[in-house]
């Protein structure tokens, strides 16, 4: 990936994070928006929109950091554990999903039904599973487990600050941009690399053709 593609990749990730942050805020902060719509308060409404876009942009930076960390972890895991790395990733996925249910439920001391935590975990796993399937379909079959690891484990690690805040609003405002950015990065990277390879092959072919033409004329 050249510098131009990298900058474009990062810019689109940030843009997606900002848009996702704004969209989820319409649902999470519905009452706040409604209060500024009736009566209509233009300045407060604009300020709220800018704030939520900025929040989404902040989470997109966190997502980018997690993505590049994942690339390093995956490469390191393959070189260190070799054929055992997929098994280790599956174990880590299961461990993280268990933690997402057990520790938040214990923190509420039973005030919140465990059903909601299980539902959250299943939703995260289901979404990650679909994204991983698409990644494997567009690249290779053995990309499924690393992709699922990234969507579940790395997203959860990035989400930890939101889970530690009292209440659920901040957690929802955080998870939407993270999932949107992580999905884009995971599915866009190989597409960008493929386009770059195609352009390089095309340039090499053109250069070879030009050389043959010049030799034939000579």
N, C-alpha and C. Protein backbone atom coordinates (compact mmCIF):
# COMPACT_ATOMS: atom_id res chain seq x y z
N UNK A 1 0.84 -1.19 0.00
CA UNK A 1 0.00 0.00 0.00
C UNK A 1 0.88 1.25 0.00
N UNK A 2 0.69 2.12 -1.02
CA UNK A 2 1.49 3.34 -1.06
C UNK A 2 0.91 4.40 -0.14
N UNK A 3 1.62 5.52 -0.04
CA UNK A 3 1.22 6.59 0.88
C UNK A 3 -0.15 7.16 0.53
N UNK A 4 -0.40 7.32 -0.75
CA UNK A 4 -1.69 7.88 -1.18
C UNK A 4 -2.84 6.97 -0.76
N UNK A 5 -2.69 5.68 -0.97
CA UNK A 5 -3.74 4.73 -0.59
C UNK A 5 -3.92 4.67 0.92
N UNK A 6 -2.80 4.78 1.65
CA UNK A 6 -2.87 4.74 3.11
C UNK A 6 -3.63 5.95 3.65
N UNK A 7 -3.32 7.14 3.13
CA UNK A 7 -4.02 8.35 3.56
C UNK A 7 -5.51 8.26 3.23
N UNK A 8 -5.82 7.77 2.05
CA UNK A 8 -7.22 7.60 1.64
C UNK A 8 -7.93 6.59 2.54
N UNK A 9 -7.22 5.52 2.88
CA UNK A 9 -7.76 4.48 3.76
C UNK A 9 -8.09 5.05 5.14
N UNK A 10 -7.16 5.81 5.70
CA UNK A 10 -7.35 6.39 7.03
C UNK A 10 -8.46 7.45 7.01
N UNK A 11 -8.50 8.24 5.94
CA UNK A 11 -9.52 9.29 5.83
C UNK A 11 -10.93 8.69 5.76
N UNK A 12 -11.09 7.64 4.97
CA UNK A 12 -12.40 6.99 4.85
C UNK A 12 -12.81 6.34 6.16
N UNK A 13 -11.85 5.76 6.87
CA UNK A 13 -12.14 5.16 8.17
C UNK A 13 -12.64 6.20 9.14
N UNK A 14 -11.97 7.36 9.18
CA UNK A 14 -12.38 8.45 10.06
C UNK A 14 -13.77 8.96 9.68
N UNK A 15 -14.01 9.09 8.37
CA UNK A 15 -15.31 9.56 7.89
C UNK A 15 -16.43 8.61 8.30
N UNK A 16 -16.20 7.31 8.14
CA UNK A 16 -17.17 6.31 8.53
C UNK A 16 -17.45 6.37 10.03
N UNK A 17 -16.39 6.55 10.82
CA UNK A 17 -16.56 6.67 12.27
C UNK A 17 -17.40 7.87 12.65
N UNK A 18 -17.15 9.01 12.01
CA UNK A 18 -17.92 10.21 12.30
C UNK A 18 -19.39 10.06 11.94
N UNK A 19 -19.66 9.46 10.78
CA UNK A 19 -21.04 9.26 10.34
C UNK A 19 -21.76 8.26 11.25
N UNK A 20 -21.07 7.17 11.59
CA UNK A 20 -21.67 6.15 12.47
C UNK A 20 -21.96 6.73 13.85
N UNK A 21 -21.05 7.58 14.35
CA UNK A 21 -21.26 8.21 15.64
C UNK A 21 -22.47 9.12 15.63
N UNK A 22 -22.66 9.85 14.54
CA UNK A 22 -23.82 10.74 14.42
C UNK A 22 -25.12 9.95 14.32
N UNK A 23 -25.12 8.90 13.51
CA UNK A 23 -26.34 8.12 13.31
C UNK A 23 -26.80 7.45 14.60
N UNK A 24 -25.86 6.82 15.32
CA UNK A 24 -26.24 6.13 16.56
C UNK A 24 -26.71 7.13 17.61
N UNK A 25 -26.20 8.36 17.55
CA UNK A 25 -26.60 9.38 18.54
C UNK A 25 -28.08 9.75 18.38
N UNK A 26 -28.61 9.64 17.15
CA UNK A 26 -30.03 9.93 16.93
C UNK A 26 -30.92 9.00 17.74
N UNK A 27 -30.44 7.77 17.95
CA UNK A 27 -31.22 6.78 18.70
C UNK A 27 -30.93 6.87 20.20
N UNK A 28 -29.64 6.96 20.53
CA UNK A 28 -29.25 6.96 21.95
C UNK A 28 -29.67 8.27 22.64
N UNK A 29 -29.53 9.38 21.92
CA UNK A 29 -29.83 10.69 22.49
C UNK A 29 -31.10 11.30 21.89
N UNK A 30 -32.05 10.43 21.65
CA UNK A 30 -33.31 10.87 21.01
C UNK A 30 -33.97 12.00 21.80
N UNK A 31 -34.02 11.87 23.10
CA UNK A 31 -34.69 12.87 23.94
C UNK A 31 -33.97 14.21 23.89
N UNK A 32 -32.64 14.19 23.80
CA UNK A 32 -31.87 15.43 23.73
C UNK A 32 -32.14 16.14 22.41
N UNK A 33 -32.16 15.38 21.33
CA UNK A 33 -32.48 15.96 20.02
C UNK A 33 -33.90 16.52 20.01
N UNK A 34 -34.83 15.75 20.58
CA UNK A 34 -36.23 16.18 20.60
C UNK A 34 -36.40 17.47 21.38
N UNK A 35 -35.65 17.60 22.48
CA UNK A 35 -35.74 18.81 23.31
C UNK A 35 -35.25 20.05 22.56
N UNK A 36 -34.32 19.86 21.64
CA UNK A 36 -33.79 21.00 20.87
C UNK A 36 -34.54 21.23 19.57
N UNK A 37 -35.44 20.33 19.25
CA UNK A 37 -36.28 20.51 18.05
C UNK A 37 -37.60 21.19 18.39
N UNK A 38 -38.05 20.98 19.62
CA UNK A 38 -39.31 21.58 20.04
C UNK A 38 -39.18 22.16 21.46
N UNK A 39 -38.94 23.49 21.58
CA UNK A 39 -38.80 24.47 20.49
C UNK A 39 -37.45 24.34 19.78
N UNK A 40 -37.39 24.80 18.55
CA UNK A 40 -36.20 24.64 17.73
C UNK A 40 -35.07 25.51 18.25
N UNK A 41 -33.93 24.88 18.54
CA UNK A 41 -32.75 25.58 19.03
C UNK A 41 -31.59 25.25 18.10
N UNK A 42 -31.36 26.12 17.13
CA UNK A 42 -30.39 25.83 16.07
C UNK A 42 -28.97 25.63 16.61
N UNK A 43 -28.51 26.54 17.46
CA UNK A 43 -27.14 26.48 17.95
C UNK A 43 -26.88 25.23 18.80
N UNK A 44 -27.82 24.90 19.66
CA UNK A 44 -27.67 23.71 20.49
C UNK A 44 -27.68 22.45 19.63
N UNK A 45 -28.53 22.44 18.62
CA UNK A 45 -28.63 21.28 17.73
C UNK A 45 -27.36 21.08 16.93
N UNK A 46 -26.82 22.17 16.39
CA UNK A 46 -25.56 22.10 15.64
C UNK A 46 -24.42 21.64 16.55
N UNK A 47 -24.41 22.19 17.75
CA UNK A 47 -23.38 21.81 18.71
C UNK A 47 -23.44 20.33 19.06
N UNK A 48 -24.66 19.81 19.20
CA UNK A 48 -24.85 18.39 19.52
C UNK A 48 -24.39 17.51 18.36
N UNK A 49 -24.71 17.94 17.15
CA UNK A 49 -24.31 17.17 15.96
C UNK A 49 -22.79 17.15 15.82
N UNK A 50 -22.16 18.32 15.97
CA UNK A 50 -20.70 18.40 15.86
C UNK A 50 -20.03 17.56 16.95
N UNK A 51 -20.60 17.62 18.16
CA UNK A 51 -20.03 16.85 19.27
C UNK A 51 -20.06 15.35 18.97
N UNK A 52 -21.17 14.86 18.46
CA UNK A 52 -21.30 13.41 18.20
C UNK A 52 -20.47 12.97 17.01
N UNK A 53 -20.31 13.87 16.02
CA UNK A 53 -19.40 13.55 14.92
C UNK A 53 -17.97 13.47 15.43
N UNK A 54 -17.60 14.44 16.28
CA UNK A 54 -16.27 14.44 16.87
C UNK A 54 -16.02 13.21 17.72
N UNK A 55 -17.06 12.78 18.44
CA UNK A 55 -16.94 11.58 19.25
C UNK A 55 -16.70 10.35 18.36
N UNK A 56 -17.44 10.30 17.26
CA UNK A 56 -17.24 9.20 16.31
C UNK A 56 -15.85 9.21 15.69
N UNK A 57 -15.34 10.40 15.40
CA UNK A 57 -13.98 10.53 14.85
C UNK A 57 -12.94 10.05 15.86
N UNK A 58 -13.17 10.38 17.13
CA UNK A 58 -12.26 9.93 18.19
C UNK A 58 -12.22 8.41 18.26
N UNK A 59 -13.39 7.80 18.18
CA UNK A 59 -13.46 6.33 18.24
C UNK A 59 -12.87 5.70 16.99
N UNK A 60 -12.94 6.42 15.86
CA UNK A 60 -12.33 5.89 14.63
C UNK A 60 -10.82 5.82 14.76
N UNK A 61 -10.23 6.80 15.45
CA UNK A 61 -8.78 6.77 15.70
C UNK A 61 -8.42 5.58 16.58
N UNK A 62 -9.26 5.32 17.57
CA UNK A 62 -9.05 4.14 18.43
C UNK A 62 -9.15 2.86 17.61
N UNK A 63 -10.09 2.84 16.68
CA UNK A 63 -10.27 1.67 15.81
C UNK A 63 -9.05 1.46 14.91
N UNK A 64 -8.51 2.55 14.36
CA UNK A 64 -7.33 2.44 13.51
C UNK A 64 -6.13 1.91 14.30
N UNK A 65 -5.98 2.41 15.52
CA UNK A 65 -4.89 1.93 16.38
C UNK A 65 -5.03 0.43 16.64
N UNK A 66 -6.27 0.02 16.93
CA UNK A 66 -6.53 -1.40 17.18
C UNK A 66 -6.28 -2.26 15.95
N UNK A 67 -6.60 -1.72 14.78
CA UNK A 67 -6.43 -2.48 13.54
C UNK A 67 -4.95 -2.73 13.24
N UNK A 68 -4.14 -1.69 13.36
CA UNK A 68 -2.71 -1.87 13.10
C UNK A 68 -2.06 -2.74 14.17
N UNK A 69 -2.58 -2.65 15.39
CA UNK A 69 -2.09 -3.55 16.45
C UNK A 69 -2.45 -4.99 16.11
N UNK A 70 -3.64 -5.19 15.56
CA UNK A 70 -4.09 -6.53 15.17
C UNK A 70 -3.19 -7.12 14.07
N UNK A 71 -2.82 -6.29 13.09
CA UNK A 71 -1.94 -6.77 12.02
C UNK A 71 -0.62 -7.27 12.58
N UNK A 72 -0.09 -6.53 13.58
CA UNK A 72 1.17 -6.95 14.22
C UNK A 72 0.96 -8.23 15.03
N UNK A 73 -0.12 -8.27 15.81
CA UNK A 73 -0.40 -9.44 16.66
C UNK A 73 -0.59 -10.69 15.81
N UNK A 74 -1.33 -10.55 14.71
CA UNK A 74 -1.60 -11.70 13.86
C UNK A 74 -0.31 -12.23 13.22
N UNK A 75 0.51 -11.32 12.74
CA UNK A 75 1.79 -11.74 12.13
C UNK A 75 2.70 -12.38 13.17
N UNK A 76 2.74 -11.78 14.36
CA UNK A 76 3.57 -12.32 15.44
C UNK A 76 3.04 -13.69 15.89
N UNK A 77 1.70 -13.81 15.98
CA UNK A 77 1.11 -15.08 16.40
C UNK A 77 1.39 -16.20 15.42
N UNK A 78 1.32 -15.89 14.12
CA UNK A 78 1.59 -16.89 13.09
C UNK A 78 3.04 -17.36 13.17
N UNK A 79 3.97 -16.41 13.34
CA UNK A 79 5.39 -16.77 13.38
C UNK A 79 5.77 -17.51 14.67
N UNK A 80 5.06 -17.21 15.75
CA UNK A 80 5.41 -17.82 17.05
C UNK A 80 4.71 -19.16 17.27
N UNK A 81 3.39 -19.18 17.02
CA UNK A 81 2.60 -20.39 17.32
C UNK A 81 2.35 -21.26 16.09
N UNK A 82 2.57 -20.72 14.91
CA UNK A 82 2.41 -21.45 13.64
C UNK A 82 1.03 -22.09 13.51
N UNK A 83 0.96 -23.41 13.41
CA UNK A 83 -0.32 -24.08 13.17
C UNK A 83 -1.27 -24.02 14.37
N UNK A 84 -0.75 -23.69 15.55
CA UNK A 84 -1.58 -23.61 16.75
C UNK A 84 -2.26 -22.25 16.90
N UNK A 85 -1.85 -21.27 16.09
CA UNK A 85 -2.38 -19.92 16.22
C UNK A 85 -3.90 -19.85 16.03
N UNK A 86 -4.49 -20.52 15.03
CA UNK A 86 -5.95 -20.49 14.90
C UNK A 86 -6.68 -21.02 16.14
N UNK A 87 -6.14 -22.09 16.73
CA UNK A 87 -6.75 -22.67 17.94
C UNK A 87 -6.68 -21.67 19.09
N UNK A 88 -5.53 -21.02 19.23
CA UNK A 88 -5.36 -20.03 20.30
C UNK A 88 -6.34 -18.87 20.12
N UNK A 89 -6.54 -18.47 18.88
CA UNK A 89 -7.47 -17.38 18.60
C UNK A 89 -8.90 -17.75 18.98
N UNK A 90 -9.29 -18.98 18.69
CA UNK A 90 -10.63 -19.45 19.04
C UNK A 90 -10.81 -19.45 20.56
N UNK A 91 -9.78 -19.90 21.27
CA UNK A 91 -9.83 -19.91 22.74
C UNK A 91 -9.96 -18.49 23.28
N UNK A 92 -9.22 -17.56 22.71
CA UNK A 92 -9.29 -16.16 23.14
C UNK A 92 -10.65 -15.56 22.85
N UNK A 93 -11.24 -15.92 21.72
CA UNK A 93 -12.59 -15.44 21.37
C UNK A 93 -13.60 -15.92 22.41
N UNK A 94 -13.52 -17.21 22.75
CA UNK A 94 -14.43 -17.77 23.75
C UNK A 94 -14.23 -17.11 25.11
N UNK A 95 -12.98 -16.88 25.47
CA UNK A 95 -12.66 -16.25 26.76
C UNK A 95 -13.23 -14.84 26.84
N UNK A 96 -13.07 -14.06 25.78
CA UNK A 96 -13.55 -12.68 25.74
C UNK A 96 -15.07 -12.64 25.79
N UNK A 97 -15.73 -13.53 25.06
CA UNK A 97 -17.19 -13.57 25.07
C UNK A 97 -17.72 -13.92 26.46
N UNK A 98 -17.05 -14.84 27.12
CA UNK A 98 -17.44 -15.18 28.49
C UNK A 98 -17.28 -13.99 29.42
N UNK A 99 -16.16 -13.28 29.28
CA UNK A 99 -15.91 -12.10 30.12
C UNK A 99 -16.95 -11.01 29.89
N UNK A 100 -17.40 -10.87 28.65
CA UNK A 100 -18.40 -9.85 28.33
C UNK A 100 -19.74 -10.12 29.02
N UNK A 101 -19.97 -11.35 29.38
CA UNK A 101 -21.20 -11.70 30.09
C UNK A 101 -20.97 -11.69 31.60
N UNK A 102 -19.92 -12.37 32.03
CA UNK A 102 -19.72 -12.61 33.46
C UNK A 102 -19.42 -11.34 34.26
N UNK A 103 -18.41 -10.59 33.84
CA UNK A 103 -17.96 -9.45 34.65
C UNK A 103 -18.97 -8.29 34.68
N UNK A 104 -19.58 -7.91 33.55
CA UNK A 104 -20.61 -6.86 33.65
C UNK A 104 -21.81 -7.29 34.50
N UNK A 105 -22.17 -8.57 34.39
CA UNK A 105 -23.30 -9.07 35.19
C UNK A 105 -22.96 -9.04 36.67
N UNK A 106 -21.73 -9.42 37.02
CA UNK A 106 -21.31 -9.38 38.41
C UNK A 106 -21.24 -7.94 38.93
N UNK A 107 -20.87 -7.02 38.05
CA UNK A 107 -20.76 -5.62 38.46
C UNK A 107 -22.11 -5.01 38.81
N UNK A 108 -23.17 -5.49 38.15
CA UNK A 108 -24.52 -4.97 38.43
C UNK A 108 -25.17 -5.69 39.61
N UNK A 109 -24.50 -6.75 40.12
CA UNK A 109 -25.00 -7.52 41.26
C UNK A 109 -26.43 -8.04 41.04
N UNK A 110 -26.67 -8.47 39.81
CA UNK A 110 -27.95 -9.07 39.48
C UNK A 110 -29.07 -8.10 39.21
N UNK A 111 -28.79 -6.79 39.25
CA UNK A 111 -29.85 -5.80 39.00
C UNK A 111 -30.30 -5.80 37.54
N UNK A 112 -29.37 -6.16 36.66
CA UNK A 112 -29.70 -6.28 35.23
C UNK A 112 -29.70 -7.76 34.86
N UNK A 113 -30.72 -8.17 34.16
CA UNK A 113 -30.84 -9.58 33.78
C UNK A 113 -29.66 -10.03 32.93
N UNK A 114 -29.18 -11.24 33.19
CA UNK A 114 -28.06 -11.79 32.43
C UNK A 114 -28.44 -11.99 30.96
N UNK A 115 -29.72 -12.07 30.70
CA UNK A 115 -30.21 -12.25 29.33
C UNK A 115 -29.70 -11.15 28.41
N UNK A 116 -29.66 -9.90 28.89
CA UNK A 116 -29.24 -8.77 28.06
C UNK A 116 -27.76 -8.87 27.71
N UNK A 117 -26.97 -9.36 28.63
CA UNK A 117 -25.54 -9.51 28.36
C UNK A 117 -25.30 -10.65 27.37
N UNK A 118 -26.05 -11.71 27.51
CA UNK A 118 -25.94 -12.83 26.57
C UNK A 118 -26.38 -12.38 25.17
N UNK A 119 -27.44 -11.59 25.11
CA UNK A 119 -27.93 -11.08 23.83
C UNK A 119 -26.89 -10.18 23.17
N UNK A 120 -26.24 -9.34 23.96
CA UNK A 120 -25.19 -8.46 23.43
C UNK A 120 -24.03 -9.26 22.85
N UNK A 121 -23.64 -10.30 23.59
CA UNK A 121 -22.53 -11.15 23.15
C UNK A 121 -22.90 -11.89 21.85
N UNK A 122 -24.11 -12.40 21.80
CA UNK A 122 -24.55 -13.12 20.60
C UNK A 122 -24.63 -12.19 19.39
N UNK A 123 -25.06 -10.95 19.63
CA UNK A 123 -25.14 -9.97 18.55
C UNK A 123 -23.74 -9.64 18.02
N UNK A 124 -22.79 -9.45 18.94
CA UNK A 124 -21.41 -9.16 18.54
C UNK A 124 -20.80 -10.35 17.80
N UNK A 125 -21.02 -11.55 18.31
CA UNK A 125 -20.50 -12.76 17.67
C UNK A 125 -21.15 -12.97 16.30
N UNK A 126 -22.46 -12.77 16.22
CA UNK A 126 -23.17 -12.95 14.95
C UNK A 126 -22.70 -11.97 13.89
N UNK A 127 -22.55 -10.71 14.28
CA UNK A 127 -22.08 -9.71 13.33
C UNK A 127 -20.65 -10.00 12.89
N UNK A 128 -19.80 -10.32 13.86
CA UNK A 128 -18.41 -10.66 13.54
C UNK A 128 -18.32 -11.88 12.63
N UNK A 129 -19.21 -12.85 12.87
CA UNK A 129 -19.23 -14.07 12.05
C UNK A 129 -19.55 -13.74 10.59
N UNK A 130 -20.54 -12.87 10.37
CA UNK A 130 -20.92 -12.49 9.01
C UNK A 130 -19.80 -11.75 8.30
N UNK A 131 -19.16 -10.84 9.01
CA UNK A 131 -18.04 -10.09 8.43
C UNK A 131 -16.88 -11.02 8.11
N UNK A 132 -16.60 -11.95 9.01
CA UNK A 132 -15.52 -12.91 8.80
C UNK A 132 -15.80 -13.82 7.61
N UNK A 133 -17.05 -14.22 7.44
CA UNK A 133 -17.44 -15.03 6.28
C UNK A 133 -17.18 -14.28 4.98
N UNK A 134 -17.52 -13.01 4.97
CA UNK A 134 -17.30 -12.18 3.77
C UNK A 134 -15.82 -12.03 3.49
N UNK A 135 -15.05 -11.83 4.56
CA UNK A 135 -13.59 -11.71 4.41
C UNK A 135 -13.00 -12.99 3.83
N UNK A 136 -13.45 -14.13 4.35
CA UNK A 136 -12.94 -15.42 3.87
C UNK A 136 -13.36 -15.67 2.42
N UNK A 137 -14.56 -15.24 2.08
CA UNK A 137 -15.06 -15.44 0.72
C UNK A 137 -14.26 -14.61 -0.28
N UNK A 138 -13.87 -13.41 0.11
CA UNK A 138 -13.16 -12.51 -0.79
C UNK A 138 -11.66 -12.76 -0.82
N UNK A 139 -11.14 -13.48 0.18
CA UNK A 139 -9.70 -13.75 0.22
C UNK A 139 -9.43 -15.25 0.19
N UNK A 140 -9.38 -15.88 1.36
CA UNK A 140 -9.14 -17.32 1.45
C UNK A 140 -9.82 -17.86 2.71
N UNK A 141 -10.08 -19.16 2.74
CA UNK A 141 -10.84 -19.76 3.82
C UNK A 141 -10.18 -19.59 5.19
N UNK A 142 -8.85 -19.72 5.23
CA UNK A 142 -8.18 -19.63 6.53
C UNK A 142 -8.10 -18.21 7.08
N UNK A 143 -8.71 -17.25 6.36
CA UNK A 143 -8.79 -15.87 6.87
C UNK A 143 -9.99 -15.69 7.80
N UNK A 144 -10.85 -16.71 7.89
CA UNK A 144 -12.07 -16.59 8.68
C UNK A 144 -11.78 -16.38 10.18
N UNK A 145 -10.95 -17.24 10.76
CA UNK A 145 -10.69 -17.16 12.20
C UNK A 145 -9.97 -15.86 12.58
N UNK A 146 -8.91 -15.45 11.86
CA UNK A 146 -8.30 -14.15 12.18
C UNK A 146 -9.28 -12.98 12.07
N UNK A 147 -10.16 -13.04 11.06
CA UNK A 147 -11.14 -11.97 10.89
C UNK A 147 -12.14 -11.97 12.05
N UNK A 148 -12.58 -13.13 12.46
CA UNK A 148 -13.50 -13.23 13.59
C UNK A 148 -12.81 -12.78 14.88
N UNK A 149 -11.54 -13.13 15.02
CA UNK A 149 -10.76 -12.70 16.18
C UNK A 149 -10.70 -11.18 16.25
N UNK A 150 -10.46 -10.56 15.12
CA UNK A 150 -10.38 -9.11 15.09
C UNK A 150 -11.72 -8.47 15.44
N UNK A 151 -12.80 -8.96 14.83
CA UNK A 151 -14.11 -8.36 15.03
C UNK A 151 -14.63 -8.56 16.45
N UNK A 152 -14.23 -9.64 17.11
CA UNK A 152 -14.72 -9.91 18.46
C UNK A 152 -13.74 -9.42 19.52
N UNK A 153 -12.52 -9.93 19.47
CA UNK A 153 -11.54 -9.66 20.53
C UNK A 153 -11.05 -8.21 20.48
N UNK A 154 -10.58 -7.77 19.32
CA UNK A 154 -10.03 -6.42 19.21
C UNK A 154 -11.11 -5.36 19.41
N UNK A 155 -12.31 -5.62 18.89
CA UNK A 155 -13.40 -4.67 19.10
C UNK A 155 -13.74 -4.55 20.58
N UNK A 156 -13.74 -5.68 21.27
CA UNK A 156 -14.02 -5.67 22.71
C UNK A 156 -12.96 -4.92 23.48
N UNK A 157 -11.70 -5.13 23.13
CA UNK A 157 -10.60 -4.41 23.79
C UNK A 157 -10.75 -2.91 23.59
N UNK A 158 -11.09 -2.51 22.37
CA UNK A 158 -11.30 -1.09 22.07
C UNK A 158 -12.51 -0.53 22.81
N UNK A 159 -13.47 -1.40 23.09
CA UNK A 159 -14.75 -1.01 23.69
C UNK A 159 -14.69 -0.90 25.21
N UNK A 160 -13.61 -1.37 25.81
CA UNK A 160 -13.49 -1.42 27.28
C UNK A 160 -13.79 -0.09 27.97
N UNK A 161 -13.26 1.06 27.47
CA UNK A 161 -13.59 2.33 28.14
C UNK A 161 -15.09 2.62 28.19
N UNK A 162 -15.80 2.24 27.13
CA UNK A 162 -17.25 2.46 27.11
C UNK A 162 -17.99 1.55 28.07
N UNK A 163 -17.46 0.36 28.28
CA UNK A 163 -18.09 -0.60 29.18
C UNK A 163 -17.87 -0.22 30.65
N UNK A 164 -16.84 0.54 30.93
CA UNK A 164 -16.53 0.91 32.30
C UNK A 164 -17.31 2.12 32.79
N UNK A 165 -17.93 2.85 31.86
CA UNK A 165 -18.71 4.03 32.23
C UNK A 165 -20.09 3.59 32.72
N UNK A 166 -20.57 4.22 33.78
CA UNK A 166 -21.88 3.87 34.32
C UNK A 166 -22.98 4.25 33.32
N UNK A 167 -23.95 3.37 33.13
CA UNK A 167 -25.00 3.58 32.14
C UNK A 167 -24.61 2.96 30.82
N UNK A 168 -25.56 2.93 29.88
CA UNK A 168 -25.33 2.26 28.60
C UNK A 168 -25.19 3.21 27.42
N UNK A 169 -25.52 4.49 27.60
CA UNK A 169 -25.50 5.43 26.48
C UNK A 169 -24.12 5.52 25.84
N UNK A 170 -23.10 5.71 26.66
CA UNK A 170 -21.75 5.87 26.14
C UNK A 170 -21.27 4.58 25.46
N UNK A 171 -21.67 3.45 26.01
CA UNK A 171 -21.27 2.17 25.42
C UNK A 171 -21.83 2.03 24.01
N UNK A 172 -23.10 2.44 23.81
CA UNK A 172 -23.70 2.36 22.48
C UNK A 172 -23.10 3.40 21.54
N UNK A 173 -22.83 4.60 22.06
CA UNK A 173 -22.21 5.63 21.23
C UNK A 173 -20.82 5.21 20.77
N UNK A 174 -20.20 4.32 21.51
CA UNK A 174 -18.84 3.87 21.20
C UNK A 174 -18.83 2.66 20.28
N UNK A 175 -19.69 1.69 20.52
CA UNK A 175 -19.62 0.43 19.79
C UNK A 175 -19.99 0.58 18.32
N UNK A 176 -20.92 1.48 18.01
CA UNK A 176 -21.34 1.65 16.61
C UNK A 176 -20.19 2.14 15.72
N UNK A 177 -19.49 3.22 16.09
CA UNK A 177 -18.34 3.63 15.26
C UNK A 177 -17.23 2.59 15.21
N UNK A 178 -17.00 1.90 16.32
CA UNK A 178 -15.95 0.88 16.34
C UNK A 178 -16.26 -0.25 15.37
N UNK A 179 -17.49 -0.74 15.40
CA UNK A 179 -17.88 -1.83 14.50
C UNK A 179 -17.85 -1.38 13.04
N UNK A 180 -18.33 -0.17 12.80
CA UNK A 180 -18.35 0.35 11.43
C UNK A 180 -16.93 0.50 10.88
N UNK A 181 -16.05 1.10 11.68
CA UNK A 181 -14.66 1.31 11.25
C UNK A 181 -13.91 -0.01 11.11
N UNK A 182 -14.09 -0.91 12.06
CA UNK A 182 -13.40 -2.20 12.01
C UNK A 182 -13.85 -3.02 10.81
N UNK A 183 -15.14 -2.97 10.52
CA UNK A 183 -15.66 -3.69 9.35
C UNK A 183 -15.05 -3.14 8.07
N UNK A 184 -15.03 -1.82 7.95
CA UNK A 184 -14.46 -1.20 6.75
C UNK A 184 -12.99 -1.56 6.59
N UNK A 185 -12.23 -1.41 7.66
CA UNK A 185 -10.79 -1.67 7.57
C UNK A 185 -10.50 -3.12 7.20
N UNK A 186 -11.24 -4.05 7.81
CA UNK A 186 -11.00 -5.47 7.57
C UNK A 186 -11.32 -5.85 6.12
N UNK A 187 -12.40 -5.28 5.58
CA UNK A 187 -12.82 -5.65 4.23
C UNK A 187 -12.18 -4.79 3.15
N UNK A 188 -11.67 -3.63 3.51
CA UNK A 188 -11.11 -2.73 2.50
C UNK A 188 -9.63 -3.00 2.24
N UNK A 189 -8.91 -3.50 3.24
CA UNK A 189 -7.46 -3.65 3.10
C UNK A 189 -7.07 -4.53 1.92
N UNK A 190 -7.66 -5.72 1.82
CA UNK A 190 -7.27 -6.62 0.73
C UNK A 190 -7.74 -6.09 -0.63
N UNK A 191 -8.85 -5.35 -0.63
CA UNK A 191 -9.33 -4.78 -1.88
C UNK A 191 -8.37 -3.71 -2.40
N UNK A 192 -7.88 -2.88 -1.49
CA UNK A 192 -6.91 -1.85 -1.86
C UNK A 192 -5.62 -2.49 -2.35
N UNK A 193 -5.16 -3.52 -1.63
CA UNK A 193 -3.93 -4.21 -2.03
C UNK A 193 -4.09 -4.88 -3.39
N UNK A 194 -5.26 -5.46 -3.64
CA UNK A 194 -5.51 -6.11 -4.94
C UNK A 194 -5.49 -5.10 -6.08
N UNK A 195 -6.09 -3.93 -5.84
CA UNK A 195 -6.10 -2.89 -6.87
C UNK A 195 -4.69 -2.39 -7.14
N UNK A 196 -3.90 -2.26 -6.07
CA UNK A 196 -2.51 -1.80 -6.23
C UNK A 196 -1.70 -2.82 -7.03
N UNK A 197 -1.91 -4.10 -6.74
CA UNK A 197 -1.20 -5.16 -7.47
C UNK A 197 -1.61 -5.17 -8.95
N UNK A 198 -2.91 -4.98 -9.20
CA UNK A 198 -3.39 -4.94 -10.58
C UNK A 198 -2.78 -3.77 -11.35
N UNK A 199 -2.67 -2.61 -10.68
CA UNK A 199 -2.07 -1.45 -11.33
C UNK A 199 -0.60 -1.69 -11.61
N UNK A 200 0.09 -2.31 -10.67
CA UNK A 200 1.52 -2.59 -10.85
C UNK A 200 1.74 -3.58 -11.99
N UNK A 201 0.87 -4.61 -12.04
CA UNK A 201 0.97 -5.57 -13.13
C UNK A 201 0.70 -4.92 -14.48
N UNK A 202 -0.28 -4.04 -14.47
CA UNK A 202 -0.63 -3.33 -15.70
C UNK A 202 0.52 -2.44 -16.16
N UNK A 203 1.16 -1.75 -15.21
CA UNK A 203 2.30 -0.89 -15.54
C UNK A 203 3.47 -1.72 -16.05
N UNK A 204 3.73 -2.85 -15.40
CA UNK A 204 4.83 -3.72 -15.83
C UNK A 204 4.58 -4.28 -17.21
N UNK A 205 3.32 -4.66 -17.45
CA UNK A 205 2.96 -5.19 -18.78
C UNK A 205 3.13 -4.11 -19.84
N UNK A 206 2.71 -2.89 -19.51
CA UNK A 206 2.82 -1.79 -20.45
C UNK A 206 4.28 -1.46 -20.73
N UNK A 207 5.09 -1.51 -19.66
CA UNK A 207 6.52 -1.23 -19.83
C UNK A 207 7.19 -2.29 -20.69
N UNK A 208 6.81 -3.56 -20.47
CA UNK A 208 7.34 -4.66 -21.28
C UNK A 208 6.95 -4.51 -22.74
N UNK A 209 5.70 -4.13 -22.96
CA UNK A 209 5.20 -3.94 -24.33
C UNK A 209 5.95 -2.81 -25.02
N UNK A 210 6.21 -1.74 -24.29
CA UNK A 210 6.92 -0.59 -24.87
C UNK A 210 8.35 -0.97 -25.24
N UNK A 211 8.98 -1.79 -24.36
CA UNK A 211 10.34 -2.23 -24.64
C UNK A 211 10.39 -3.09 -25.90
N UNK A 212 9.41 -4.01 -25.99
CA UNK A 212 9.35 -4.89 -27.18
C UNK A 212 9.14 -4.07 -28.45
N UNK A 213 8.29 -3.05 -28.33
CA UNK A 213 8.01 -2.19 -29.50
C UNK A 213 9.24 -1.44 -29.93
N UNK A 214 9.97 -0.89 -28.92
CA UNK A 214 11.20 -0.11 -29.22
C UNK A 214 12.28 -1.01 -29.84
N UNK A 215 12.38 -2.27 -29.35
CA UNK A 215 13.39 -3.21 -29.88
C UNK A 215 13.04 -3.61 -31.31
N UNK A 216 11.74 -3.80 -31.58
CA UNK A 216 11.33 -4.20 -32.91
C UNK A 216 11.56 -3.08 -33.92
N UNK A 217 11.39 -1.83 -33.46
CA UNK A 217 11.65 -0.70 -34.36
C UNK A 217 13.12 -0.54 -34.65
N UNK A 218 13.91 -0.85 -33.58
CA UNK A 218 15.36 -0.73 -33.78
C UNK A 218 15.87 -1.81 -34.73
